[in-house]
């Protein structure tokens, strides 16, 4: 039954995407709909329901709004301007495909950085794994990705908002803040062999830092 419902939902999303480009008289009436499908169809392009954040750094894709500054080889952490004796956290570098990593199906609400109940359940498991003795001494990049629907600039902002939301959630579950850095890639790193607008690209990547 669940497999059938999933297939119906996916087919409806595809139908909504098609119907959005058709005049009203050419659209096929549908008997079953989803909230996400209706939002995608009726909301119009560019509708995003997330707290606007700065786009990621153009060179590194690092998201703003988190403690730390890019670490320079051989340099000691610089003093923060918010008080004497305080130090910046070093940024966890994003290593691309050169280190161990996993793409998690953290889907969020449509066009939002709000975690769904299923997302939180998945991240609860991730938080436990990151605090396991085998991983407790490692650091990780948390990278947000989107599909190519909508404006590229907005997708970059959204990918950062989502990566930061995941980072905050993991920290709230006990993962040390200094072990996590958030990155946003928008639709720049699409998964192979899928349509650019496919929702499968909407994901969060967790990538181990190089040793």
N, C-alpha and C. Protein backbone atom coordinates (compact mmCIF):
# COMPACT_ATOMS: atom_id res chain seq x y z
N UNK A 1 0.83 -1.20 0.00
CA UNK A 1 0.00 0.00 0.00
C UNK A 1 0.87 1.25 0.00
N UNK A 2 1.92 1.24 0.85
CA UNK A 2 2.80 2.39 0.93
C UNK A 2 3.52 2.61 -0.39
N UNK A 3 3.93 1.48 -1.04
CA UNK A 3 4.62 1.59 -2.32
C UNK A 3 3.69 2.21 -3.35
N UNK A 4 2.40 1.79 -3.32
CA UNK A 4 1.41 2.36 -4.24
C UNK A 4 1.24 3.85 -4.01
N UNK A 5 1.14 4.25 -2.72
CA UNK A 5 0.97 5.66 -2.41
C UNK A 5 2.16 6.48 -2.88
N UNK A 6 3.36 5.91 -2.71
CA UNK A 6 4.56 6.62 -3.16
C UNK A 6 4.54 6.82 -4.67
N UNK A 7 4.15 5.75 -5.39
CA UNK A 7 4.09 5.84 -6.84
C UNK A 7 3.06 6.88 -7.28
N UNK A 8 1.92 6.91 -6.59
CA UNK A 8 0.89 7.89 -6.92
C UNK A 8 1.40 9.30 -6.69
N UNK A 9 2.09 9.50 -5.55
CA UNK A 9 2.61 10.83 -5.23
C UNK A 9 3.61 11.29 -6.27
N UNK A 10 4.52 10.40 -6.66
CA UNK A 10 5.53 10.76 -7.65
C UNK A 10 4.89 11.09 -8.99
N UNK A 11 3.90 10.29 -9.38
CA UNK A 11 3.25 10.56 -10.65
C UNK A 11 2.49 11.87 -10.62
N UNK A 12 1.92 12.20 -9.47
CA UNK A 12 1.21 13.47 -9.35
C UNK A 12 2.14 14.66 -9.43
N UNK A 13 3.31 14.53 -8.80
CA UNK A 13 4.28 15.62 -8.88
C UNK A 13 4.66 15.88 -10.33
N UNK A 14 4.88 14.78 -11.07
CA UNK A 14 5.22 14.93 -12.48
C UNK A 14 4.06 15.56 -13.25
N UNK A 15 2.85 15.16 -12.90
CA UNK A 15 1.68 15.71 -13.57
C UNK A 15 1.52 17.19 -13.27
N UNK A 16 1.75 17.59 -12.02
CA UNK A 16 1.66 18.99 -11.66
C UNK A 16 2.68 19.82 -12.42
N UNK A 17 3.88 19.29 -12.52
CA UNK A 17 4.92 20.01 -13.24
C UNK A 17 4.53 20.21 -14.70
N UNK A 18 3.90 19.18 -15.29
CA UNK A 18 3.46 19.29 -16.67
C UNK A 18 2.29 20.25 -16.80
N UNK A 19 1.33 20.15 -15.87
CA UNK A 19 0.12 20.96 -15.98
C UNK A 19 0.41 22.44 -15.80
N UNK A 20 1.47 22.76 -15.05
CA UNK A 20 1.82 24.16 -14.83
C UNK A 20 2.17 24.86 -16.13
N UNK A 21 2.61 24.08 -17.11
CA UNK A 21 3.02 24.66 -18.39
C UNK A 21 1.91 24.62 -19.43
N UNK A 22 0.74 24.09 -19.06
CA UNK A 22 -0.35 23.94 -20.00
C UNK A 22 -1.46 24.93 -19.72
N UNK A 23 -2.20 25.36 -20.74
CA UNK A 23 -3.39 26.19 -20.49
C UNK A 23 -4.45 25.38 -19.78
N UNK A 24 -5.36 26.07 -19.07
CA UNK A 24 -6.34 25.39 -18.23
C UNK A 24 -7.16 24.36 -18.99
N UNK A 25 -7.52 24.67 -20.24
CA UNK A 25 -8.40 23.75 -20.98
C UNK A 25 -7.68 22.48 -21.41
N UNK A 26 -6.35 22.47 -21.29
CA UNK A 26 -5.58 21.30 -21.70
C UNK A 26 -5.13 20.44 -20.52
N UNK A 27 -5.43 20.87 -19.31
CA UNK A 27 -4.99 20.13 -18.13
C UNK A 27 -5.94 18.98 -17.83
N UNK A 28 -5.37 17.86 -17.45
CA UNK A 28 -6.16 16.68 -17.12
C UNK A 28 -6.66 16.78 -15.69
N UNK A 29 -7.97 16.62 -15.42
CA UNK A 29 -8.48 16.66 -14.04
C UNK A 29 -7.88 15.52 -13.22
N UNK A 30 -7.54 15.81 -11.96
CA UNK A 30 -6.97 14.79 -11.09
C UNK A 30 -7.89 14.57 -9.90
N UNK A 31 -7.93 13.34 -9.42
CA UNK A 31 -8.82 13.00 -8.30
C UNK A 31 -8.08 12.97 -6.98
N UNK A 32 -6.77 12.82 -7.03
CA UNK A 32 -5.97 12.75 -5.80
C UNK A 32 -4.84 13.76 -5.89
N UNK A 33 -4.63 14.48 -4.81
CA UNK A 33 -3.58 15.50 -4.79
C UNK A 33 -2.82 15.42 -3.47
N UNK A 34 -1.64 16.04 -3.44
CA UNK A 34 -0.88 16.19 -2.21
C UNK A 34 -0.70 17.67 -1.94
N UNK A 35 -0.45 18.00 -0.67
CA UNK A 35 -0.21 19.40 -0.31
C UNK A 35 0.98 19.94 -1.07
N UNK A 36 2.07 19.15 -1.12
CA UNK A 36 3.27 19.62 -1.80
C UNK A 36 2.99 19.86 -3.28
N UNK A 37 2.23 18.95 -3.89
CA UNK A 37 1.91 19.12 -5.30
C UNK A 37 1.12 20.38 -5.56
N UNK A 38 0.15 20.66 -4.69
CA UNK A 38 -0.66 21.87 -4.84
C UNK A 38 0.17 23.12 -4.63
N UNK A 39 1.07 23.08 -3.65
CA UNK A 39 1.93 24.24 -3.42
C UNK A 39 2.82 24.50 -4.62
N UNK A 40 3.33 23.43 -5.20
CA UNK A 40 4.21 23.58 -6.36
C UNK A 40 3.45 24.18 -7.55
N UNK A 41 2.19 23.72 -7.72
CA UNK A 41 1.41 24.15 -8.86
C UNK A 41 0.81 25.54 -8.68
N UNK A 42 0.22 25.79 -7.51
CA UNK A 42 -0.53 27.01 -7.29
C UNK A 42 0.31 28.16 -6.75
N UNK A 43 1.46 27.83 -6.15
CA UNK A 43 2.25 28.87 -5.51
C UNK A 43 2.97 29.77 -6.49
N UNK A 44 3.24 29.24 -7.68
CA UNK A 44 3.93 30.06 -8.67
C UNK A 44 5.43 30.01 -8.48
N UNK A 45 6.20 30.44 -9.46
CA UNK A 45 7.66 30.40 -9.37
C UNK A 45 8.19 31.39 -8.35
N UNK A 46 9.30 30.98 -7.70
CA UNK A 46 9.98 31.89 -6.80
C UNK A 46 9.38 31.98 -5.41
N UNK A 47 8.36 31.20 -5.09
CA UNK A 47 7.75 31.24 -3.76
C UNK A 47 8.57 30.38 -2.81
N UNK A 48 9.22 30.97 -1.85
CA UNK A 48 10.05 30.24 -0.91
C UNK A 48 9.66 30.61 0.50
N UNK A 49 9.42 29.59 1.34
CA UNK A 49 8.99 29.87 2.71
C UNK A 49 10.09 29.47 3.69
N UNK A 50 11.19 30.20 3.64
CA UNK A 50 12.27 29.96 4.58
C UNK A 50 12.85 31.30 5.00
N UNK A 51 13.49 31.30 6.15
CA UNK A 51 14.11 32.52 6.64
C UNK A 51 15.27 32.87 5.72
N UNK A 52 15.16 34.02 5.04
CA UNK A 52 16.18 34.38 4.06
C UNK A 52 17.55 34.48 4.72
N UNK A 53 18.51 33.87 4.09
CA UNK A 53 19.88 33.88 4.59
C UNK A 53 20.80 34.31 3.46
N UNK A 54 22.01 34.65 3.80
CA UNK A 54 22.97 35.06 2.78
C UNK A 54 23.32 33.86 1.91
N UNK A 55 23.59 34.08 0.64
CA UNK A 55 24.05 32.96 -0.20
C UNK A 55 25.41 32.48 0.28
N UNK A 56 25.78 31.27 -0.09
CA UNK A 56 27.09 30.76 0.34
C UNK A 56 28.24 31.54 -0.29
N UNK A 57 29.40 31.44 0.32
CA UNK A 57 30.59 32.07 -0.22
C UNK A 57 30.85 31.53 -1.63
N UNK A 58 31.11 32.42 -2.57
CA UNK A 58 31.24 32.02 -3.96
C UNK A 58 32.41 31.08 -4.19
N UNK A 59 33.48 31.24 -3.42
CA UNK A 59 34.67 30.43 -3.63
C UNK A 59 34.59 29.07 -2.94
N UNK A 60 34.09 29.06 -1.69
CA UNK A 60 34.13 27.83 -0.90
C UNK A 60 32.77 27.15 -0.73
N UNK A 61 31.68 27.87 -1.03
CA UNK A 61 30.30 27.39 -0.80
C UNK A 61 29.95 27.30 0.67
N UNK A 62 30.80 27.86 1.55
CA UNK A 62 30.52 27.87 2.98
C UNK A 62 29.37 28.81 3.28
N UNK A 63 28.45 28.38 4.15
CA UNK A 63 27.30 29.20 4.49
C UNK A 63 27.63 30.19 5.59
N UNK A 64 27.03 31.36 5.50
CA UNK A 64 27.15 32.35 6.57
C UNK A 64 26.22 31.94 7.71
N UNK A 65 26.36 32.65 8.86
CA UNK A 65 25.45 32.38 9.97
C UNK A 65 25.88 31.25 10.87
N UNK A 66 27.15 30.89 10.83
CA UNK A 66 27.68 29.87 11.73
C UNK A 66 29.02 30.35 12.25
N UNK A 67 29.35 29.92 13.45
CA UNK A 67 30.62 30.35 14.04
C UNK A 67 31.77 29.80 13.22
N UNK A 68 32.83 30.57 13.17
CA UNK A 68 34.03 30.06 12.52
C UNK A 68 34.42 30.85 11.29
N UNK A 69 35.63 30.66 10.87
CA UNK A 69 36.15 31.27 9.65
C UNK A 69 37.06 30.25 9.00
N UNK A 70 37.24 30.32 7.68
CA UNK A 70 38.08 29.33 7.02
C UNK A 70 39.46 29.21 7.66
N UNK A 71 39.83 28.00 7.92
CA UNK A 71 41.13 27.76 8.56
C UNK A 71 42.25 27.88 7.53
N UNK A 72 43.33 28.52 7.91
CA UNK A 72 44.49 28.64 7.03
C UNK A 72 45.59 27.73 7.58
N UNK A 73 46.24 26.98 6.70
CA UNK A 73 47.28 26.07 7.17
C UNK A 73 48.34 26.78 8.01
N UNK A 74 48.59 26.24 9.18
CA UNK A 74 49.64 26.77 10.05
C UNK A 74 49.25 27.99 10.84
N UNK A 75 48.02 28.47 10.65
CA UNK A 75 47.60 29.69 11.35
C UNK A 75 46.80 29.33 12.59
N UNK A 76 46.98 30.12 13.66
CA UNK A 76 46.19 29.91 14.86
C UNK A 76 44.87 30.63 14.72
N UNK A 77 43.81 30.15 15.42
CA UNK A 77 42.50 30.81 15.29
C UNK A 77 42.58 32.28 15.66
N UNK A 78 41.93 33.11 14.88
CA UNK A 78 41.95 34.54 15.14
C UNK A 78 40.97 34.91 16.24
N UNK A 79 41.26 35.99 16.95
CA UNK A 79 40.36 36.44 18.02
C UNK A 79 39.08 36.96 17.42
N UNK A 80 37.97 36.62 18.05
CA UNK A 80 36.68 37.09 17.59
C UNK A 80 36.45 38.52 18.08
N UNK A 81 35.66 39.30 17.32
CA UNK A 81 35.42 40.69 17.71
C UNK A 81 34.42 40.84 18.84
N UNK A 82 33.80 39.71 19.27
CA UNK A 82 32.75 39.85 20.27
C UNK A 82 33.27 39.66 21.70
N UNK A 83 34.55 39.75 21.90
CA UNK A 83 35.04 39.68 23.26
C UNK A 83 36.46 39.17 23.33
N UNK A 84 37.22 39.57 24.32
CA UNK A 84 38.61 39.13 24.44
C UNK A 84 38.69 37.66 24.82
N UNK A 85 39.70 37.01 24.31
CA UNK A 85 39.95 35.64 24.69
C UNK A 85 39.08 34.63 23.99
N UNK A 86 38.09 35.07 23.16
CA UNK A 86 37.25 34.14 22.44
C UNK A 86 37.87 33.84 21.09
N UNK A 87 37.66 32.60 20.64
CA UNK A 87 38.31 32.17 19.41
C UNK A 87 37.27 31.70 18.39
N UNK A 88 37.60 31.89 17.11
CA UNK A 88 36.77 31.34 16.06
C UNK A 88 36.90 29.82 16.04
N UNK A 89 35.80 29.17 15.69
CA UNK A 89 35.90 27.75 15.40
C UNK A 89 36.48 27.60 14.01
N UNK A 90 37.32 26.59 13.82
CA UNK A 90 37.84 26.35 12.49
C UNK A 90 36.77 25.69 11.64
N UNK A 91 36.71 26.06 10.41
CA UNK A 91 35.72 25.49 9.51
C UNK A 91 36.12 24.07 9.12
N UNK A 92 35.13 23.20 9.09
CA UNK A 92 35.36 21.84 8.60
C UNK A 92 35.36 21.91 7.08
N UNK A 93 36.43 21.52 6.42
CA UNK A 93 36.47 21.62 4.96
C UNK A 93 35.55 20.61 4.29
N UNK A 94 35.03 21.01 3.14
CA UNK A 94 34.23 20.09 2.33
C UNK A 94 35.16 19.39 1.35
N UNK A 95 35.18 18.06 1.41
CA UNK A 95 36.17 17.30 0.65
C UNK A 95 35.64 16.69 -0.64
N UNK A 96 34.43 17.08 -1.04
CA UNK A 96 33.90 16.51 -2.27
C UNK A 96 33.77 15.00 -2.18
N UNK A 97 34.16 14.32 -3.23
CA UNK A 97 34.04 12.86 -3.25
C UNK A 97 35.31 12.15 -2.80
N UNK A 98 36.21 12.87 -2.16
CA UNK A 98 37.50 12.27 -1.79
C UNK A 98 37.47 11.59 -0.43
N UNK A 99 36.41 11.79 0.34
CA UNK A 99 36.30 11.14 1.65
C UNK A 99 34.94 10.46 1.77
N UNK A 100 34.77 9.71 2.83
CA UNK A 100 33.51 9.00 3.05
C UNK A 100 32.36 9.98 3.25
N UNK A 101 31.23 9.67 2.67
CA UNK A 101 30.08 10.54 2.81
C UNK A 101 28.80 9.81 2.47
N UNK A 102 27.68 10.44 2.77
CA UNK A 102 26.38 9.84 2.48
C UNK A 102 25.39 10.95 2.12
N UNK A 103 24.54 10.65 1.14
CA UNK A 103 23.44 11.54 0.79
C UNK A 103 22.20 11.07 1.55
N UNK A 104 21.64 11.95 2.35
CA UNK A 104 20.46 11.60 3.14
C UNK A 104 19.22 12.23 2.51
N UNK A 105 18.14 11.48 2.49
CA UNK A 105 16.89 11.97 1.91
C UNK A 105 16.16 12.84 2.92
N UNK A 106 16.82 13.93 3.28
CA UNK A 106 16.20 14.94 4.13
C UNK A 106 15.49 15.89 3.17
N UNK A 107 14.19 15.77 3.06
CA UNK A 107 13.45 16.42 1.98
C UNK A 107 12.90 17.79 2.34
N UNK A 108 12.64 18.05 3.61
CA UNK A 108 12.07 19.32 4.06
C UNK A 108 10.66 19.51 3.48
N UNK A 109 9.94 20.45 4.06
CA UNK A 109 8.69 20.88 3.46
C UNK A 109 9.02 21.59 2.14
N UNK A 110 8.08 21.61 1.22
CA UNK A 110 8.33 22.19 -0.10
C UNK A 110 8.77 23.65 0.00
N UNK A 111 9.89 23.95 -0.67
CA UNK A 111 10.44 25.31 -0.73
C UNK A 111 10.70 25.89 0.65
N UNK A 112 11.07 25.04 1.60
CA UNK A 112 11.21 25.47 2.99
C UNK A 112 12.44 24.83 3.62
N UNK A 113 12.88 25.41 4.75
CA UNK A 113 13.94 24.79 5.54
C UNK A 113 13.37 24.09 6.77
N UNK A 114 12.05 23.88 6.79
CA UNK A 114 11.39 23.23 7.91
C UNK A 114 11.52 21.72 7.79
N UNK A 115 12.05 21.09 8.84
CA UNK A 115 12.21 19.65 8.85
C UNK A 115 10.87 18.96 9.05
N UNK A 116 10.65 17.88 8.33
CA UNK A 116 9.45 17.08 8.49
C UNK A 116 9.68 16.06 9.61
N UNK A 117 8.62 15.42 10.13
CA UNK A 117 8.82 14.37 11.13
C UNK A 117 9.74 13.26 10.64
N UNK A 118 9.62 12.89 9.37
CA UNK A 118 10.51 11.88 8.82
C UNK A 118 11.95 12.34 8.78
N UNK A 119 12.17 13.63 8.46
CA UNK A 119 13.52 14.19 8.46
C UNK A 119 14.14 14.11 9.86
N UNK A 120 13.35 14.49 10.86
CA UNK A 120 13.86 14.48 12.24
C UNK A 120 14.22 13.07 12.69
N UNK A 121 13.42 12.10 12.29
CA UNK A 121 13.71 10.71 12.64
C UNK A 121 15.02 10.27 12.02
N UNK A 122 15.24 10.63 10.77
CA UNK A 122 16.48 10.30 10.08
C UNK A 122 17.67 10.98 10.74
N UNK A 123 17.51 12.25 11.11
CA UNK A 123 18.61 12.99 11.73
C UNK A 123 18.89 12.54 13.15
N UNK A 124 17.88 12.00 13.83
CA UNK A 124 18.11 11.42 15.17
C UNK A 124 19.09 10.26 15.05
N UNK A 125 18.90 9.44 14.03
CA UNK A 125 19.81 8.32 13.81
C UNK A 125 21.21 8.81 13.46
N UNK A 126 21.27 9.84 12.63
CA UNK A 126 22.57 10.42 12.27
C UNK A 126 23.28 10.96 13.50
N UNK A 127 22.56 11.66 14.36
CA UNK A 127 23.16 12.23 15.57
C UNK A 127 23.76 11.13 16.45
N UNK A 128 23.05 10.03 16.57
CA UNK A 128 23.56 8.91 17.37
C UNK A 128 24.84 8.34 16.75
N UNK A 129 24.85 8.22 15.42
CA UNK A 129 26.02 7.68 14.74
C UNK A 129 27.23 8.61 14.91
N UNK A 130 27.00 9.92 14.80
CA UNK A 130 28.11 10.87 14.92
C UNK A 130 28.69 10.92 16.32
N UNK A 131 27.91 10.47 17.31
CA UNK A 131 28.40 10.46 18.68
C UNK A 131 28.91 9.08 19.11
N UNK A 132 28.87 8.12 18.19
CA UNK A 132 29.41 6.78 18.47
C UNK A 132 30.92 6.89 18.59
N UNK A 133 31.54 6.07 19.44
CA UNK A 133 32.99 6.14 19.62
C UNK A 133 33.79 6.05 18.32
N UNK A 134 33.27 5.35 17.34
CA UNK A 134 34.01 5.20 16.09
C UNK A 134 34.07 6.49 15.27
N UNK A 135 33.13 7.40 15.50
CA UNK A 135 33.08 8.65 14.74
C UNK A 135 33.23 9.89 15.61
N UNK A 136 33.29 9.70 16.91
CA UNK A 136 33.23 10.83 17.84
C UNK A 136 34.38 11.82 17.69
N UNK A 137 35.49 11.39 17.12
CA UNK A 137 36.64 12.27 16.96
C UNK A 137 36.74 12.88 15.56
N UNK A 138 35.76 12.61 14.73
CA UNK A 138 35.78 13.11 13.36
C UNK A 138 34.89 14.34 13.20
N UNK A 139 35.17 15.14 12.18
CA UNK A 139 34.36 16.30 11.85
C UNK A 139 33.72 16.10 10.49
N UNK A 140 32.63 16.84 10.24
CA UNK A 140 31.85 16.59 9.04
C UNK A 140 31.33 17.88 8.42
N UNK A 141 31.31 17.91 7.10
CA UNK A 141 30.64 18.98 6.36
C UNK A 141 29.20 18.55 6.12
N UNK A 142 28.27 19.48 6.34
CA UNK A 142 26.86 19.24 6.09
C UNK A 142 26.47 20.12 4.90
N UNK A 143 26.17 19.49 3.77
CA UNK A 143 25.96 20.24 2.53
C UNK A 143 24.52 20.12 2.06
N UNK A 144 23.90 21.27 1.78
CA UNK A 144 22.55 21.30 1.27
C UNK A 144 22.54 21.35 -0.25
N UNK A 145 21.61 20.61 -0.86
CA UNK A 145 21.48 20.58 -2.31
C UNK A 145 20.02 20.74 -2.70
N UNK A 146 19.77 21.36 -3.84
CA UNK A 146 18.42 21.51 -4.36
C UNK A 146 18.36 20.98 -5.79
N UNK A 147 17.14 20.89 -6.33
CA UNK A 147 17.02 20.64 -7.76
C UNK A 147 17.14 21.99 -8.48
N UNK A 148 16.93 22.00 -9.77
CA UNK A 148 17.16 23.23 -10.53
C UNK A 148 15.90 24.07 -10.72
N UNK A 149 14.79 23.70 -10.07
CA UNK A 149 13.57 24.49 -10.20
C UNK A 149 13.77 25.87 -9.57
N UNK A 150 13.26 26.91 -10.20
CA UNK A 150 13.34 28.25 -9.64
C UNK A 150 14.64 28.95 -9.94
N UNK A 151 14.84 30.09 -9.28
CA UNK A 151 16.02 30.92 -9.51
C UNK A 151 17.26 30.31 -8.84
N UNK A 152 18.37 30.35 -9.54
CA UNK A 152 19.61 29.79 -9.01
C UNK A 152 20.02 30.48 -7.71
N UNK A 153 19.87 31.81 -7.66
CA UNK A 153 20.26 32.55 -6.45
C UNK A 153 19.43 32.13 -5.25
N UNK A 154 18.13 31.98 -5.45
CA UNK A 154 17.26 31.57 -4.35
C UNK A 154 17.59 30.14 -3.92
N UNK A 155 17.90 29.28 -4.87
CA UNK A 155 18.25 27.91 -4.53
C UNK A 155 19.53 27.83 -3.71
N UNK A 156 20.48 28.72 -4.01
CA UNK A 156 21.70 28.76 -3.20
C UNK A 156 21.38 29.16 -1.76
N UNK A 157 20.54 30.17 -1.61
CA UNK A 157 20.14 30.60 -0.27
C UNK A 157 19.38 29.48 0.45
N UNK A 158 18.48 28.82 -0.27
CA UNK A 158 17.68 27.75 0.32
C UNK A 158 18.55 26.58 0.74
N UNK A 159 19.54 26.24 -0.08
CA UNK A 159 20.42 25.12 0.28
C UNK A 159 21.20 25.42 1.55
N UNK A 160 21.61 26.69 1.73
CA UNK A 160 22.29 27.07 2.96
C UNK A 160 21.33 27.04 4.15
N UNK A 161 20.13 27.57 3.95
CA UNK A 161 19.15 27.56 5.03
C UNK A 161 18.88 26.14 5.50
N UNK A 162 18.82 25.21 4.58
CA UNK A 162 18.56 23.81 4.93
C UNK A 162 19.76 23.17 5.61
N UNK A 163 20.96 23.43 5.09
CA UNK A 163 22.16 22.87 5.73
C UNK A 163 22.31 23.41 7.15
N UNK A 164 22.03 24.68 7.34
CA UNK A 164 22.11 25.28 8.67
C UNK A 164 21.05 24.70 9.60
N UNK A 165 19.86 24.41 9.06
CA UNK A 165 18.79 23.81 9.87
C UNK A 165 19.20 22.43 10.35
N UNK A 166 19.84 21.66 9.49
CA UNK A 166 20.31 20.33 9.87
C UNK A 166 21.42 20.44 10.91
N UNK A 167 22.33 21.37 10.68
CA UNK A 167 23.43 21.57 11.63
C UNK A 167 22.88 21.93 13.02
N UNK A 168 21.93 22.86 13.06
CA UNK A 168 21.33 23.25 14.35
C UNK A 168 20.64 22.07 15.03
N UNK A 169 19.97 21.26 14.24
CA UNK A 169 19.27 20.11 14.81
C UNK A 169 20.26 19.12 15.42
N UNK A 170 21.34 18.84 14.70
CA UNK A 170 22.34 17.90 15.20
C UNK A 170 23.03 18.42 16.46
N UNK A 171 23.32 19.72 16.47
CA UNK A 171 23.91 20.32 17.67
C UNK A 171 22.94 20.20 18.84
N UNK A 172 21.66 20.40 18.58
CA UNK A 172 20.65 20.27 19.62
C UNK A 172 20.54 18.85 20.15
N UNK A 173 20.99 17.88 19.35
CA UNK A 173 20.97 16.48 19.77
C UNK A 173 22.29 16.03 20.40
N UNK A 174 23.20 17.00 20.61
CA UNK A 174 24.41 16.68 21.35
C UNK A 174 25.68 16.59 20.55
N UNK A 175 25.63 16.79 19.23
CA UNK A 175 26.85 16.77 18.42
C UNK A 175 27.56 18.10 18.61
N UNK A 176 28.84 18.07 18.92
CA UNK A 176 29.59 19.30 19.18
C UNK A 176 29.57 20.21 17.96
N UNK A 177 29.28 21.49 18.20
CA UNK A 177 29.16 22.47 17.11
C UNK A 177 30.43 22.56 16.28
N UNK A 178 31.58 22.45 16.94
CA UNK A 178 32.85 22.60 16.24
C UNK A 178 33.12 21.48 15.24
N UNK A 179 32.35 20.39 15.32
CA UNK A 179 32.55 19.25 14.43
C UNK A 179 31.78 19.38 13.12
N UNK A 180 30.97 20.41 12.99
CA UNK A 180 30.07 20.53 11.84
C UNK A 180 30.18 21.90 11.18
N UNK A 181 30.28 21.91 9.87
CA UNK A 181 30.20 23.16 9.10
C UNK A 181 29.19 22.97 7.98
N UNK A 182 28.42 24.03 7.71
CA UNK A 182 27.35 23.95 6.72
C UNK A 182 27.78 24.57 5.39
N UNK A 183 27.43 23.90 4.31
CA UNK A 183 27.72 24.36 2.95
C UNK A 183 26.44 24.34 2.12
N UNK A 184 26.35 25.24 1.15
CA UNK A 184 25.20 25.27 0.26
C UNK A 184 25.63 25.27 -1.19
N UNK A 185 25.11 24.33 -1.96
CA UNK A 185 25.50 24.21 -3.36
C UNK A 185 24.35 24.48 -4.33
N UNK A 186 23.16 24.77 -3.81
CA UNK A 186 22.04 24.97 -4.71
C UNK A 186 21.88 23.77 -5.62
N UNK A 187 21.80 24.04 -6.92
CA UNK A 187 21.66 22.94 -7.89
C UNK A 187 22.97 22.68 -8.64
N UNK A 188 24.08 23.06 -8.06
CA UNK A 188 25.38 22.94 -8.74
C UNK A 188 25.90 21.50 -8.78
N UNK A 189 25.43 20.66 -7.86
CA UNK A 189 25.94 19.29 -7.79
C UNK A 189 24.75 18.32 -7.88
N UNK A 190 24.15 18.28 -9.05
CA UNK A 190 23.00 17.39 -9.27
C UNK A 190 23.47 15.93 -9.35
N UNK A 191 22.59 15.02 -8.92
CA UNK A 191 22.88 13.61 -9.02
C UNK A 191 22.81 13.17 -10.48
N UNK A 192 23.68 12.24 -10.86
CA UNK A 192 23.74 11.80 -12.25
C UNK A 192 22.49 11.02 -12.64
N UNK A 193 22.19 11.06 -13.95
CA UNK A 193 21.12 10.25 -14.54
C UNK A 193 19.73 10.57 -14.02
N UNK A 194 19.49 11.83 -13.65
CA UNK A 194 18.17 12.25 -13.22
C UNK A 194 17.85 13.61 -13.83
N UNK A 195 16.57 13.86 -14.06
CA UNK A 195 16.15 15.16 -14.57
C UNK A 195 16.58 16.26 -13.61
N UNK A 196 17.07 17.39 -14.11
CA UNK A 196 17.52 18.47 -13.22
C UNK A 196 16.46 18.97 -12.25
N UNK A 197 15.18 18.83 -12.62
CA UNK A 197 14.10 19.31 -11.75
C UNK A 197 13.53 18.22 -10.86
N UNK A 198 14.11 17.03 -10.91
CA UNK A 198 13.63 15.92 -10.09
C UNK A 198 13.88 16.21 -8.61
N UNK A 199 12.89 15.95 -7.78
CA UNK A 199 13.03 16.19 -6.34
C UNK A 199 14.10 15.34 -5.67
N UNK A 200 14.61 14.32 -6.35
CA UNK A 200 15.64 13.47 -5.76
C UNK A 200 16.91 14.26 -5.45
N UNK A 201 17.10 15.37 -6.17
CA UNK A 201 18.29 16.19 -5.92
C UNK A 201 18.19 16.95 -4.59
N UNK A 202 16.99 17.08 -4.06
CA UNK A 202 16.77 17.80 -2.80
C UNK A 202 17.21 16.88 -1.66
N UNK A 203 18.40 17.15 -1.14
CA UNK A 203 19.00 16.22 -0.19
C UNK A 203 20.01 16.95 0.67
N UNK A 204 20.48 16.27 1.70
CA UNK A 204 21.58 16.77 2.53
C UNK A 204 22.70 15.76 2.51
N UNK A 205 23.86 16.24 2.18
CA UNK A 205 25.05 15.40 2.11
C UNK A 205 25.88 15.59 3.37
N UNK A 206 26.29 14.48 3.97
CA UNK A 206 27.17 14.53 5.14
C UNK A 206 28.51 13.94 4.72
N UNK A 207 29.54 14.76 4.77
CA UNK A 207 30.85 14.38 4.21
C UNK A 207 31.94 14.49 5.27
N UNK A 208 32.65 13.41 5.50
CA UNK A 208 33.72 13.39 6.50
C UNK A 208 34.86 14.31 6.08
N UNK A 209 35.43 15.01 7.05
CA UNK A 209 36.55 15.90 6.77
C UNK A 209 37.80 15.08 6.47
N UNK A 210 38.66 15.59 5.60
CA UNK A 210 39.92 14.86 5.35
C UNK A 210 40.80 14.85 6.59
N UNK A 211 41.54 13.81 6.76
CA UNK A 211 42.40 13.69 7.93
C UNK A 211 43.71 14.44 7.71
